[in-house]
Amino acid sequence: ALQVRGLPQVRQSSLFSTAAAEEVVRGTVKDHDHCQEPGDRDILVRAARGEKVERTPVWMMRQAGRYMAAFRAYSDKIPFRERSETPDYAVELSVQCHRAYGMDGIIMFSDILTPLPVLGIDFDVVKGTGPVISTSVRTEDDVNSMPRHSFEEKVPFVGEILQRLSKEADEANTSLIGFVGAPFTLAAYTIEGKSSKHCLETKKLMMADETGENKCMSLFLDKLANMIGEYGCHQIENGAQIIQVFESWAHQLSPTGFEQFAKPAAKKAISIIKERHPDVPVIYFANGGSSYLELQKDMGCDMVCLDWAIDMAQARKILGPDVPVSGNLDPSVLFGTKEQIEQAVRDCIDKAGGPGCHLLNLGHGVMQGTPEEAVKWLVDEVKRYQG
């Protein structure tokens, strides 16, 4: 076991050995007075199912992130994959923000690319660059020759992290959120090999697929949809109470591209999860997809998460009263004054139908450099506001 100055012992992961010389003391003090009502344990789950709840619940994408000094104490010293694939680190990084601010859910600290090795696709996360994928996917043969390993074999840490977080969530009287990347986003990341401004190689494969010249894209999306659906089930079977599906590259798609490629694959993944776990809510988030929000009415999910580029009231009109929503504050609001943050919270809740009628989130992740006190102001106001 590792004994690092100021930290309890950390068990060696089977995948990593670390030589981190210093880290931070694990915080155990709860800095908020939220999550004390009996209904707080599952308010997020009930809201995600579309139930009217006693107040508006809140969590934030990237709530476990570099805006927190306690998080940076790890991220500045330990590479991303080691942090996310070593249960002791991943559990601590998942719960830090909840301990500080008392959101209505703890989300597993991980990455949408984490399950790719199950299909023989290797990746690394390089500081300053982001994810880098070396596996080439350009032909039907590339897809057909992909292996299919088990989650226990390639990502054994995921089950352990979720099981431990399930206990943490229970003790904290809150919900546990799991998440997956949508098939198109994972396909595009793999094909481009890294973050991409124009997603051109992916779009070339989409056009070749349309003509029938090369069906690589369709085959790859189908393979990913099956794996991602199974991965969502794997998370639920290890304790996740909600699954959010991230279509992080939706902004790269035209409405036609979304309808033809991304949507059927995402629907397939969601249907696999819902068939096996009908009572576990699934949230679908298409980042940059608000220009074709009307196409997201029938994803088969329980809730649609909105990006910040659309007005909440307008989104409600487009989707209609029967589609539950979450979102959608502009993350940059958190750089404003306390009064501006609280007013933005109230406006969003009112436009969504009033307290208890939606799930409040940002319309993208918490940004690096966000003042920590701003996150507290946001969470406090969401929980306080009764209309």
Foldseek 3Di string as FASTA:
>chain_A
DDDEPQEDDADADPVDDDDQRHAHHQDDAQADDPLPDLCLLCLVQCQLLQHQDPFAAEDAACLLHQQDPNSCSDPVGDFQVVQLQRLVNQLSSQCPSCSHAPGQEGEGRHDQCQVVCQQPWDWGQDVPFGIFTDQAQQAQVSLVPTHGHDCCVRRVSLLVNQLVVLVVSVVSSHAYEYEHEALVQNVLCNNVRGDDDQSVSVVVQVVCCVVVNGVSQVSSLQVSLVVLLVVLQSSVVSRHQEYEYEQPVLLNDDLVRCVPHRLVSQLSSLVSNCVVPVSRFYEYENQNNPVPLLVVLPSNGSAYEAEQPDQLLVSCVSNDLRHAYEDAAALCQLVDDLVSLLVSLQRNQVSQPFTSRHHYYHNHGNDHNRNSVSSNSNNVSSVPDHD
